[in-house]
Amino acid sequence: PNKDSSSDAWDLGHEELAERLLHELLCVPKTTLSKPYISAICKALSAIPISPLATTALKRLRVLGERVRDSGKLDKPAAKDISTFLAAVKLLDQDPNTQLADEELQALVR
């Protein structure tokens, strides 16, 4: 988009894409062949812009990101990229102590 015509377009984040990529990381099996794929997704996640206005999405991203981080599927560089992503999400969350509602949390883990 042309920045002069709509500066708001540059402020939009890609929370849905980030959430789908995190789900993909949770679903992909850990194999030798999947290692480059996992690393590429983690690298992309660390570069995706996220909007601070998407408060519920930030909380979902944090929960999913922590599950990916703790999954045991990541090598050192991928783990660093996920840590960078999680740090950015935490910084954007204006109320990091508030958790997702139980219903939302259950919907995420399906």
Protein backbone atom coordinates (compact mmCIF):
# COMPACT_ATOMS: atom_id res chain seq x y z
CA PRO A 1 0.00 0.00 0.00
CA ASN A 2 0.96 3.57 -0.57
CA LYS A 3 1.94 5.08 2.77
CA ASP A 4 0.79 8.55 1.71
CA SER A 5 -2.74 7.39 0.89
CA SER A 6 -3.37 5.46 4.10
CA SER A 7 -0.94 5.62 6.99
CA ASP A 8 -3.28 3.38 9.03
CA ALA A 9 -2.57 0.46 6.69
CA TRP A 10 1.02 0.44 7.93
CA ASP A 11 -0.11 0.16 11.55
CA LEU A 12 -2.07 -3.06 11.10
CA GLY A 13 -0.58 -6.20 12.53
CA HIS A 14 -0.72 -9.75 11.28
CA GLU A 15 -2.01 -11.51 14.37
CA GLU A 16 -4.08 -14.06 12.47
CA LEU A 17 -1.11 -15.08 10.34
CA ALA A 18 1.09 -15.37 13.43
CA GLU A 19 -1.53 -17.50 15.17
CA ARG A 20 -1.80 -19.83 12.16
CA LEU A 21 1.98 -20.19 12.01
CA LEU A 22 2.12 -21.05 15.71
CA HIS A 23 -0.57 -23.69 15.20
CA GLU A 24 1.46 -25.07 12.30
CA LEU A 25 4.53 -25.34 14.53
CA LEU A 26 2.52 -27.25 17.11
CA CYS A 27 1.23 -29.70 14.47
CA VAL A 28 4.37 -30.37 12.44
CA PRO A 29 6.19 -33.54 13.52
CA LYS A 30 9.76 -33.22 14.75
CA THR A 31 11.89 -34.91 12.12
CA THR A 32 15.20 -34.20 10.43
CA LEU A 33 13.30 -33.07 7.34
CA SER A 34 11.06 -30.68 9.27
CA LYS A 35 13.94 -28.84 10.98
CA PRO A 36 14.49 -26.25 8.18
CA TYR A 37 10.73 -25.75 7.88
CA ILE A 38 10.37 -25.13 11.62
CA SER A 39 13.35 -22.76 11.58
CA ALA A 40 11.91 -20.78 8.65
CA ILE A 41 8.54 -20.38 10.36
CA CYS A 42 10.20 -19.25 13.60
CA LYS A 43 12.32 -16.73 11.70
CA ALA A 44 9.20 -15.39 9.96
CA LEU A 45 7.32 -15.12 13.26
CA SER A 46 10.07 -13.00 14.78
CA ALA A 47 9.65 -10.48 11.93
CA ILE A 48 5.84 -10.31 11.71
CA PRO A 49 4.37 -6.98 12.82
CA ILE A 50 1.80 -7.33 15.61
CA SER A 51 -0.66 -4.62 16.59
CA PRO A 52 -0.75 -3.51 20.23
CA LEU A 53 -4.48 -2.88 19.79
CA ALA A 54 -5.28 -6.59 19.42
CA THR A 55 -5.31 -7.33 23.14
CA THR A 56 -7.05 -10.72 23.04
CA ALA A 57 -4.93 -11.80 20.08
CA LEU A 58 -1.77 -10.86 22.00
CA LYS A 59 -2.80 -13.16 24.82
CA ARG A 60 -3.56 -16.02 22.40
CA LEU A 61 -0.21 -15.50 20.69
CA ARG A 62 1.58 -15.59 24.02
CA VAL A 63 -0.10 -18.86 25.05
CA LEU A 64 0.60 -20.51 21.69
CA GLY A 65 4.15 -19.16 21.56
CA GLU A 66 4.89 -20.56 25.00
CA ARG A 67 3.51 -23.95 23.94
CA VAL A 68 5.77 -23.91 20.87
CA ARG A 69 8.76 -22.85 22.98
CA ASP A 70 8.12 -25.72 25.41
CA SER A 71 7.36 -28.32 22.71
CA GLY A 72 10.92 -29.60 22.35
CA LYS A 73 10.82 -29.17 18.56
CA LEU A 74 13.10 -26.14 18.35
CA ASP A 75 16.82 -25.99 17.79
CA LYS A 76 18.80 -23.10 19.30
CA PRO A 77 18.27 -20.56 16.48
CA ALA A 78 14.54 -21.34 16.26
CA ALA A 79 14.21 -21.11 20.04
CA LYS A 80 15.91 -17.70 19.93
CA ASP A 81 13.47 -16.53 17.25
CA ILE A 82 10.47 -17.70 19.30
CA SER A 83 11.90 -15.98 22.36
CA THR A 84 12.23 -12.76 20.35
CA PHE A 85 8.63 -13.13 19.19
CA LEU A 86 7.38 -13.78 22.73
CA ALA A 87 9.30 -10.79 24.10
CA ALA A 88 7.75 -8.54 21.45
CA VAL A 89 4.26 -9.85 22.22
CA LYS A 90 4.79 -9.30 25.95
CA LEU A 91 5.99 -5.73 25.37
CA LEU A 92 2.90 -4.95 23.28
CA ASP A 93 0.47 -6.40 25.81
CA GLN A 94 -0.76 -3.45 27.86
CA ASP A 95 -2.15 -5.77 30.54
CA PRO A 96 0.16 -8.82 30.61
CA ASN A 97 -1.14 -10.06 33.98
CA THR A 98 -4.66 -10.62 32.65
CA GLN A 99 -5.12 -14.16 31.37
CA LEU A 100 -7.43 -15.54 28.70
CA ALA A 101 -10.85 -16.68 29.83
CA ASP A 102 -11.11 -20.45 30.37
CA GLU A 103 -13.35 -20.83 27.30
CA GLU A 104 -10.82 -19.04 25.08
CA LEU A 105 -7.98 -21.08 26.52
CA GLN A 106 -9.83 -24.34 25.89
CA ALA A 107 -10.54 -23.28 22.29
CA LEU A 108 -6.81 -22.71 21.74
CA VAL A 109 -5.70 -26.12 22.94
CA ARG A 110 -7.98 -28.08 20.63
